[in-house]
Protein backbone atom coordinates (compact mmCIF):
# COMPACT_ATOMS: atom_id res chain seq x y z
CA MET A 1 0.03 8.37 -3.15
CA CYS A 2 3.49 9.13 -1.82
CA ARG A 3 2.18 12.32 -0.27
CA SER A 4 -0.99 10.76 1.09
CA VAL A 5 -0.67 7.46 2.92
CA PRO A 6 3.07 7.86 3.57
CA GLY A 7 2.99 11.52 4.47
CA THR A 8 -0.19 12.69 6.10
CA LEU A 9 -0.99 9.40 7.80
CA ALA A 10 2.26 9.64 9.69
CA SER A 11 0.36 11.82 12.11
CA ARG A 12 -1.80 8.85 13.13
CA GLY A 13 -0.36 6.83 15.98
CA SER A 14 2.92 7.54 17.71
CA ALA A 15 6.56 6.97 16.95
CA SER A 16 8.41 4.16 18.65
CA PRO A 17 12.10 3.23 19.00
CA THR A 18 11.85 0.93 15.99
CA LYS A 19 12.12 1.97 12.36
CA HIS A 20 8.91 3.03 10.68
CA GLY A 21 8.01 4.45 7.36
CA ARG A 22 5.99 7.61 6.93
CA VAL A 23 3.07 5.61 8.22
CA VAL A 24 3.87 5.68 11.93
CA ILE A 25 1.94 3.17 13.99
CA PRO A 26 1.98 2.33 17.69
CA SER A 27 3.23 -1.22 17.34
CA PRO A 28 6.54 -3.08 17.02
CA CYS A 29 5.90 -3.67 13.32
CA ARG A 30 8.32 -1.78 11.07
CA THR A 31 6.63 -0.13 8.11
CA ALA A 32 8.19 1.76 5.21
CA THR A 33 6.80 3.40 2.13
CA ILE A 34 8.62 3.30 -1.17
CA CYS A 35 7.40 6.22 -3.25
CA ALA A 36 7.33 7.30 -6.85
CA SER A 37 10.62 9.16 -6.47
CA ALA A 38 12.23 6.06 -4.92
CA SER A 39 12.47 8.03 -1.68
CA VAL A 40 12.06 6.38 1.68
CA THR A 41 11.15 7.97 4.98
CA LEU A 42 12.02 6.28 8.24
CA ASN A 43 10.84 7.52 11.64
CA GLY A 44 9.10 10.41 9.89
CA THR A 45 12.37 11.88 8.58
CA PRO A 46 13.07 11.85 4.83
CA GLY A 47 16.26 10.08 3.86
CA ASP A 48 19.01 12.30 2.52
CA TRP A 49 20.54 9.72 0.22
CA THR A 50 21.13 10.60 -3.40
CA ASP A 51 21.32 6.99 -4.59
CA GLY A 52 17.80 5.74 -5.30
CA ARG A 53 18.85 2.12 -4.95
CA ARG A 54 20.15 2.74 -1.45
CA GLN A 55 16.86 4.38 -0.57
CA VAL A 56 14.86 1.41 -1.79
CA ALA A 57 17.21 -0.95 0.03
CA ALA A 58 16.65 1.00 3.25
CA GLY A 59 12.90 0.75 2.84
CA SER A 60 13.12 -2.95 2.11
CA GLU A 61 14.51 -3.52 5.61
CA ALA A 62 11.03 -2.93 7.00
CA ASP A 63 8.58 -5.74 7.71
CA THR A 64 5.72 -4.06 5.85
CA ILE A 65 6.26 -2.10 2.67
CA ILE A 66 3.69 0.19 1.07
CA LEU A 67 4.49 0.12 -2.64
CA ALA A 68 3.52 3.55 -4.01
CA VAL A 69 5.45 3.76 -7.26
CA PRO A 70 4.26 3.91 -10.87
CA PHE A 71 3.17 0.41 -11.85
CA GLY A 72 5.96 0.10 -14.40
CA ASN A 73 8.61 0.60 -11.71
CA HIS A 74 7.58 -2.18 -9.36
CA CYS A 75 10.13 -4.60 -10.82
CA ASP A 76 12.94 -2.17 -10.05
CA VAL A 77 11.87 -2.09 -6.41
CA ALA A 78 11.53 -5.87 -6.28
CA LYS A 79 15.18 -6.26 -7.35
CA ALA A 80 16.30 -4.67 -4.07
CA LEU A 81 16.13 -8.10 -2.40
CA PRO A 82 16.67 -11.62 -3.73
CA SER A 83 13.84 -12.79 -1.48
CA TRP A 84 11.03 -10.93 0.29
CA GLU A 85 10.28 -13.83 2.60
CA GLY A 86 8.70 -12.71 5.88
CA LYS A 87 7.58 -9.34 4.50
CA THR A 88 4.17 -7.96 3.61
CA VAL A 89 3.88 -5.76 0.54
CA ILE A 90 0.87 -3.46 0.27
CA ASP A 91 0.35 -2.76 -3.41
CA ALA A 92 -0.98 0.78 -3.76
CA THR A 93 -0.19 0.96 -7.48
CA ASN A 94 -2.67 1.29 -10.34
CA ALA A 95 -1.99 -0.02 -13.82
CA PHE A 96 -3.86 2.27 -16.20
CA PRO A 97 -4.34 1.70 -19.01
CA VAL A 98 -3.76 -1.99 -18.38
CA PRO A 99 -0.59 -3.20 -20.13
CA GLU A 100 -0.92 -6.15 -22.49
CA GLU A 101 1.84 -7.94 -20.59
CA LEU A 102 -0.60 -8.66 -17.76
CA ASP A 103 -2.37 -11.13 -20.05
CA GLY A 104 -5.61 -10.97 -18.08
CA LEU A 105 -4.06 -11.08 -14.62
CA PRO A 106 -5.04 -8.48 -12.00
CA SER A 107 -2.16 -6.02 -11.81
CA SER A 108 -1.49 -6.93 -8.18
CA ALA A 109 -1.14 -10.60 -9.06
CA PHE A 110 1.45 -9.52 -11.59
CA VAL A 111 3.23 -7.42 -8.95
CA ALA A 112 3.18 -10.36 -6.52
CA LYS A 113 5.23 -12.43 -8.96
CA ALA A 114 8.06 -9.91 -8.74
CA PHE A 115 8.25 -9.91 -4.93
CA THR A 116 9.43 -13.47 -4.39
CA GLY A 117 8.36 -14.90 -1.04
CA ALA A 118 6.36 -11.85 0.09
CA LYS A 119 2.76 -11.79 1.22
CA LEU A 120 0.91 -9.21 -0.86
CA ALA A 121 -2.31 -7.29 -0.38
CA LYS A 122 -3.92 -4.66 -2.57
CA GLY A 123 -4.91 -1.53 -0.68
CA PHE A 124 -4.89 2.27 -0.45
CA ASN A 125 -5.13 2.53 -4.24
CA HIS A 126 -8.76 3.40 -4.95
CA LEU A 127 -8.71 7.02 -3.74
CA VAL A 128 -6.71 9.97 -5.00
CA ALA A 129 -3.88 11.33 -2.87
CA ALA A 130 -5.75 14.50 -1.88
CA THR A 131 -8.58 12.42 -0.41
CA LEU A 132 -6.33 10.00 1.45
CA ALA A 133 -4.44 12.97 2.86
CA THR A 134 -7.49 14.17 4.81
CA ASP A 135 -8.69 12.96 8.18
CA PRO A 136 -10.23 9.48 7.71
CA VAL A 137 -12.71 10.09 10.54
CA VAL A 138 -15.65 12.34 9.63
CA GLU A 139 -18.71 12.79 11.85
CA GLY A 140 -18.20 9.45 13.53
CA GLY A 141 -17.63 7.61 10.26
CA HIS A 142 -14.36 6.08 9.12
CA ARG A 143 -13.21 6.34 5.52
CA VAL A 144 -13.36 2.95 3.82
CA VAL A 145 -10.28 1.38 2.27
CA PHE A 146 -10.79 -1.70 0.15
CA LEU A 147 -8.39 -4.59 0.61
CA SER A 148 -7.89 -7.75 -1.38
CA SER A 149 -5.36 -10.54 -1.16
CA ASP A 150 -4.81 -14.17 -1.99
CA ASP A 151 -3.28 -14.56 1.48
CA GLU A 152 -5.63 -14.36 4.47
CA ASP A 153 -2.81 -13.50 6.87
CA ALA A 154 -1.72 -10.58 4.70
CA ALA A 155 -5.28 -9.31 4.47
CA ALA A 156 -5.70 -9.47 8.25
CA HIS A 157 -2.38 -7.72 8.84
CA VAL A 158 -3.13 -4.86 6.46
CA ALA A 159 -6.67 -4.53 7.83
CA ALA A 160 -5.23 -4.11 11.33
CA LEU A 161 -2.84 -1.45 10.04
CA ALA A 162 -5.68 0.39 8.32
CA ARG A 163 -7.72 0.41 11.54
CA GLN A 164 -4.76 1.81 13.47
CA LEU A 165 -4.62 4.63 10.95
CA GLY A 166 -8.30 5.45 11.44
CA PHE A 167 -9.71 3.77 8.34
CA ALA A 168 -12.45 1.19 8.00
CA PRO A 169 -11.02 -1.74 6.05
CA VAL A 170 -13.39 -3.69 3.82
CA LYS A 171 -12.07 -7.02 2.59
CA LEU A 172 -13.04 -7.89 -0.97
CA GLY A 173 -11.59 -11.39 -1.06
CA LYS A 174 -9.02 -12.67 -3.51
CA LEU A 175 -7.33 -10.53 -6.13
CA ASN A 176 -9.14 -12.10 -9.08
CA GLU A 177 -12.50 -12.16 -7.31
CA GLY A 178 -13.69 -9.17 -5.28
CA GLY A 179 -10.28 -7.61 -5.85
CA ALA A 180 -11.26 -7.07 -9.48
CA LEU A 181 -13.48 -4.23 -8.25
CA VAL A 182 -10.39 -2.14 -7.47
CA HIS A 183 -8.36 -3.03 -10.55
CA ALA A 184 -8.60 -1.26 -13.87
CA ARG A 185 -9.81 -3.21 -16.89
CA GLY A 186 -8.32 -2.15 -20.19
CA ARG A 187 -8.96 1.59 -20.34
CA THR A 188 -11.81 1.52 -17.84
CA TRP A 189 -11.66 2.02 -14.09
CA SER A 190 -13.39 -0.65 -12.04
CA PRO A 191 -16.57 0.20 -10.06
CA LEU A 192 -15.00 0.89 -6.66
CA ILE A 193 -12.17 3.10 -7.88
CA PHE A 194 -12.66 6.70 -6.62
CA GLN A 195 -15.62 5.69 -4.40
CA ASP A 196 -15.18 7.73 -1.20
CA LEU A 197 -17.29 5.86 1.33
CA PHE A 198 -17.60 5.96 5.11
CA LYS A 199 -18.55 3.32 7.64
CA LYS A 200 -20.21 4.26 10.91
CA GLU A 201 -18.95 2.68 14.10
CA GLN A 202 -21.25 -0.02 15.43
């Protein structure tokens, strides 16, 4: 994931004077991606810090954070701030196989508990990195990304970001409803995981 949404999608849109993550979008919204290696890229330039915590802290300054770390490391990222109030976290993680500690919760609902005060949406998790790294527009169709959230504002915000990047966002509803279609269950992937679909422009 760290080399897909954060990296290749940086070519969509244009840089602005504000801080951005590897996903560079033509808007005043600051976006950063926190990756599996705890590295953060701002304005398209990889950080040269050696301290992983400082890198995560730098990424946490953004308004929108794409969380692309192994599921088990999300708590470490969440500790970067005492409160994530006013921020939107896009959970691109996948918990597989599903840990017992989730106790039946969708993994993203579990992640949301760690990011106190943040608005959270699930997205950019159902396709492999190699697929997300390709052009999302093919023969007039836009690659579908499934989004789910318990917060309507977060869902709308992430959908707008996805459109700016050339994708066709499809909202699935709340995390424990339609969102279950993009969460693993036990040792089984849910139906929409790995489904590479396109939506034609109307």
